[in-house]
Protein backbone atom coordinates (compact mmCIF):
# COMPACT_ATOMS: atom_id res chain seq x y z
CA MET A 1 0.00 0.00 0.00
CA SER A 2 1.07 3.54 -0.66
CA PHE A 3 1.56 6.02 2.14
CA GLU A 4 -1.17 8.62 2.49
CA LEU A 5 -0.95 12.20 3.70
CA PRO A 6 -2.42 12.13 7.22
CA GLN A 7 -5.40 14.36 7.85
CA LEU A 8 -4.93 16.88 10.62
CA PRO A 9 -7.11 16.45 13.74
CA TYR A 10 -7.68 20.22 13.78
CA SER A 11 -8.17 23.02 11.26
CA TYR A 12 -5.32 25.00 9.74
CA SER A 13 -6.33 28.03 11.81
CA SER A 14 -6.72 26.16 15.11
CA LEU A 15 -3.18 26.78 16.35
CA GLU A 16 -3.29 30.54 15.90
CA PRO A 17 -1.83 32.86 17.06
CA HIS A 18 1.10 30.55 17.76
CA ILE A 19 1.25 29.00 14.27
CA ASP A 20 -0.67 30.83 11.56
CA ALA A 21 -3.22 29.26 9.23
CA GLN A 22 -1.40 30.10 6.00
CA THR A 23 1.80 28.46 7.19
CA MET A 24 -0.12 25.39 8.35
CA GLU A 25 -1.95 25.03 5.04
CA ILE A 26 1.18 25.40 2.90
CA HIS A 27 3.23 23.20 5.21
CA HIS A 28 0.70 20.36 5.27
CA SER A 29 -0.93 20.48 1.83
CA LYS A 30 2.22 21.32 -0.15
CA HIS A 31 5.37 20.31 1.72
CA HIS A 32 4.13 17.19 3.53
CA ALA A 33 2.04 16.16 0.53
CA GLY A 34 5.13 16.48 -1.65
CA TYR A 35 7.20 14.25 0.62
CA THR A 36 4.40 11.68 0.63
CA THR A 37 4.13 11.57 -3.16
CA LYS A 38 7.89 11.38 -3.66
CA LEU A 39 8.28 8.66 -1.00
CA ASN A 40 5.69 6.50 -2.75
CA ALA A 41 7.51 6.99 -6.05
CA ALA A 42 10.87 6.14 -4.46
CA ILE A 43 9.73 2.80 -3.01
CA ALA A 44 7.37 1.70 -5.80
CA GLY A 45 8.25 -1.79 -6.99
CA SER A 46 11.02 -2.21 -4.41
CA PRO A 47 11.22 -4.48 -1.34
CA LEU A 48 10.40 -1.41 0.77
CA GLU A 49 6.91 -1.15 -0.66
CA GLY A 50 4.35 -2.26 1.89
CA GLN A 51 6.66 -1.89 4.89
CA SER A 52 5.99 0.49 7.77
CA ILE A 53 7.71 3.86 7.66
CA GLU A 54 9.47 3.02 10.93
CA HIS A 55 10.94 -0.18 9.46
CA ILE A 56 11.97 1.63 6.30
CA LEU A 57 13.85 4.28 8.26
CA GLU A 58 15.43 1.92 10.81
CA SER A 59 16.89 -0.28 8.07
CA LEU A 60 17.63 2.57 5.65
CA ASP A 61 20.52 2.58 3.23
CA MET A 62 21.64 6.13 4.00
CA SER A 63 22.99 6.54 0.47
CA ASN A 64 19.44 6.24 -0.87
CA ALA A 65 18.77 9.97 -0.94
CA ALA A 66 15.21 9.73 -2.28
CA VAL A 67 14.00 7.46 0.53
CA ARG A 68 16.14 9.21 3.15
CA ASN A 69 14.81 12.68 2.35
CA ASN A 70 11.21 11.84 1.55
CA GLY A 71 10.79 9.02 4.06
CA GLY A 72 12.20 11.31 6.72
CA GLY A 73 9.96 14.12 5.58
CA PHE A 74 6.90 11.90 5.70
CA PHE A 75 7.61 10.50 9.17
CA ASN A 76 8.84 13.75 10.72
CA HIS A 77 5.82 15.78 9.68
CA SER A 78 3.38 13.03 10.67
CA LEU A 79 4.82 13.14 14.20
CA PHE A 80 4.93 16.95 14.22
CA TRP A 81 1.20 17.38 13.49
CA SER A 82 0.24 14.76 16.04
CA VAL A 83 1.98 16.36 19.03
CA MET A 84 0.20 19.70 18.65
CA SER A 85 -3.33 20.64 19.67
CA PRO A 86 -5.43 23.80 20.02
CA GLU A 87 -6.39 22.48 23.46
CA PRO A 88 -3.20 20.84 24.70
CA ASN A 89 -3.00 18.71 27.81
CA ALA A 90 -0.38 19.49 30.45
CA LEU A 91 2.61 17.34 31.26
CA SER A 92 2.04 14.91 34.13
CA GLY A 93 2.65 11.37 35.35
CA GLU A 94 5.61 9.17 34.57
CA LEU A 95 6.82 11.27 31.64
CA ALA A 96 6.96 14.34 33.87
CA ASN A 97 9.01 12.36 36.39
CA GLN A 98 11.36 11.10 33.68
CA ILE A 99 11.88 14.62 32.35
CA ASP A 100 12.78 15.76 35.88
CA THR A 101 15.17 12.82 36.22
CA ALA A 102 16.85 13.42 32.87
CA PHE A 103 17.03 17.21 32.85
CA GLY A 104 16.51 18.37 36.44
CA SER A 105 13.20 20.12 35.82
CA PHE A 106 10.75 20.91 33.05
CA ASP A 107 12.23 24.39 32.67
CA GLU A 108 15.68 22.90 32.18
CA PHE A 109 14.29 20.45 29.62
CA LYS A 110 12.66 23.37 27.80
CA ASP A 111 15.97 25.22 27.75
CA VAL A 112 17.86 22.19 26.38
CA PHE A 113 15.21 21.45 23.74
CA SER A 114 14.93 25.11 22.72
CA LYS A 115 18.70 25.40 22.37
CA ALA A 116 18.82 22.27 20.20
CA ALA A 117 16.15 23.79 17.95
CA ALA A 118 17.65 27.28 17.88
CA THR A 119 21.23 26.17 17.18
CA GLN A 120 20.44 23.58 14.48
CA PHE A 121 22.29 25.17 11.57
CA GLY A 122 20.13 25.63 8.49
CA SER A 123 17.18 23.30 8.03
CA GLY A 124 16.41 20.48 10.44
CA TRP A 125 14.59 19.24 13.51
CA ALA A 126 14.86 19.12 17.30
CA TRP A 127 13.82 15.91 19.05
CA LEU A 128 12.94 14.45 22.40
CA CYS A 129 13.83 10.77 22.18
CA VAL A 130 13.38 7.78 24.46
CA HIS A 131 15.78 4.85 24.69
CA LYS A 132 14.79 1.34 25.71
CA GLY A 133 14.17 1.39 29.44
CA GLY A 134 12.81 4.92 29.38
CA ARG A 135 15.89 7.15 29.35
CA LEU A 136 15.23 10.47 27.64
CA GLU A 137 17.57 12.49 25.43
CA VAL A 138 17.33 15.67 23.36
CA CYS A 139 19.11 15.97 20.02
CA SER A 140 18.80 17.62 16.63
CA THR A 141 19.20 16.51 13.03
CA ALA A 142 19.79 18.21 9.71
CA ASN A 143 17.33 18.35 6.83
CA GLN A 144 14.77 15.50 7.10
CA ASP A 145 16.99 13.09 9.01
CA ASN A 146 15.65 11.68 12.27
CA PRO A 147 16.90 9.48 15.12
CA LEU A 148 15.34 6.31 13.71
CA MET A 149 17.89 6.33 10.90
CA PRO A 150 21.16 4.38 11.34
CA GLY A 151 23.97 6.44 12.82
CA VAL A 152 21.93 9.62 13.17
CA ALA A 153 21.83 11.79 16.32
CA CYS A 154 20.82 10.09 19.58
CA GLU A 155 19.38 6.96 17.90
CA GLY A 156 16.42 6.75 20.24
CA THR A 157 12.74 6.71 19.33
CA PRO A 158 11.51 10.25 18.71
CA ILE A 159 8.39 11.11 20.73
CA LEU A 160 8.39 14.89 20.16
CA GLY A 161 9.74 16.74 17.16
CA LEU A 162 9.95 20.40 16.16
CA ASP A 163 10.42 21.43 12.54
CA VAL A 164 12.91 24.29 12.24
CA TRP A 165 12.98 24.50 8.45
CA GLU A 166 12.21 28.09 7.46
CA HIS A 167 9.00 27.02 5.72
CA ALA A 168 7.65 26.03 9.16
CA TYR A 169 7.72 29.57 10.53
CA TYR A 170 9.01 32.23 8.17
CA LEU A 171 5.69 33.76 7.07
CA ASN A 172 4.86 34.70 10.65
CA TYR A 173 8.20 34.84 12.47
CA GLN A 174 10.66 35.71 9.67
CA ASN A 175 14.17 35.24 11.10
CA ARG A 176 12.96 35.03 14.72
CA ARG A 177 13.32 31.30 15.18
CA PRO A 178 13.50 31.56 19.00
CA ASP A 179 10.06 33.23 19.03
CA TYR A 180 8.64 30.36 16.97
CA ILE A 181 10.22 27.82 19.34
CA GLU A 182 8.68 29.58 22.33
CA ALA A 183 5.29 29.63 20.60
CA PHE A 184 5.51 25.88 19.90
CA PHE A 185 5.48 25.17 23.62
CA ASN A 186 1.99 26.69 23.80
CA VAL A 187 0.50 24.02 21.51
CA ILE A 188 2.33 20.86 22.63
CA ASP A 189 -0.14 18.16 23.69
CA TRP A 190 1.75 16.29 26.38
CA SER A 191 -0.87 13.54 26.61
CA VAL A 192 0.09 12.44 23.08
CA ILE A 193 3.77 12.52 23.93
CA ALA A 194 3.11 10.49 27.08
CA LYS A 195 1.46 7.82 24.92
CA ASN A 196 4.42 7.92 22.55
CA TYR A 197 6.73 7.48 25.55
CA GLU A 198 4.85 4.45 26.85
CA ALA A 199 4.90 2.81 23.44
CA ALA A 200 8.60 3.45 22.88
CA LYS A 201 10.19 2.73 26.25
């Protein structure tokens, strides 16, 4: 089966004023749709066709630029949309405890994550990843790479991702990436990330 562009569980305008409707529409219907189409073309007729995106990325031949770029783009954006909500739930429970254990406090986690996003040179992503057993780590990747790929970043399972490509924020924030990062924290749905954590640990 071919991969399909996931439908958003909210409208393009739902995350305003933090992320504007025009950016959301272009980002989802043009950029993510483009990665989806190109991924399907890249795996058509190959042994990768019919496999899960996670399996494709975990066993990726990193020299396969078409699958690396478009498979990463498909997975990364799918995670990105899912961790945001116009009515986000607060952080609590075991994940909150693990964040305190790993980083000292939520504020310190926010600082580490924000720095990873702000200092990623050029296009890329910031991630919160979980390793087997539950240990958390923050890292960043260039372009559409992600930690599922062999030899990339912290090599955990990403449970939260922030897109810091300019197309994710430039219409509203221009060159003010730190303002966009700060705004992102207002729409993170921690209940989704807690479920991701439970599934990955």
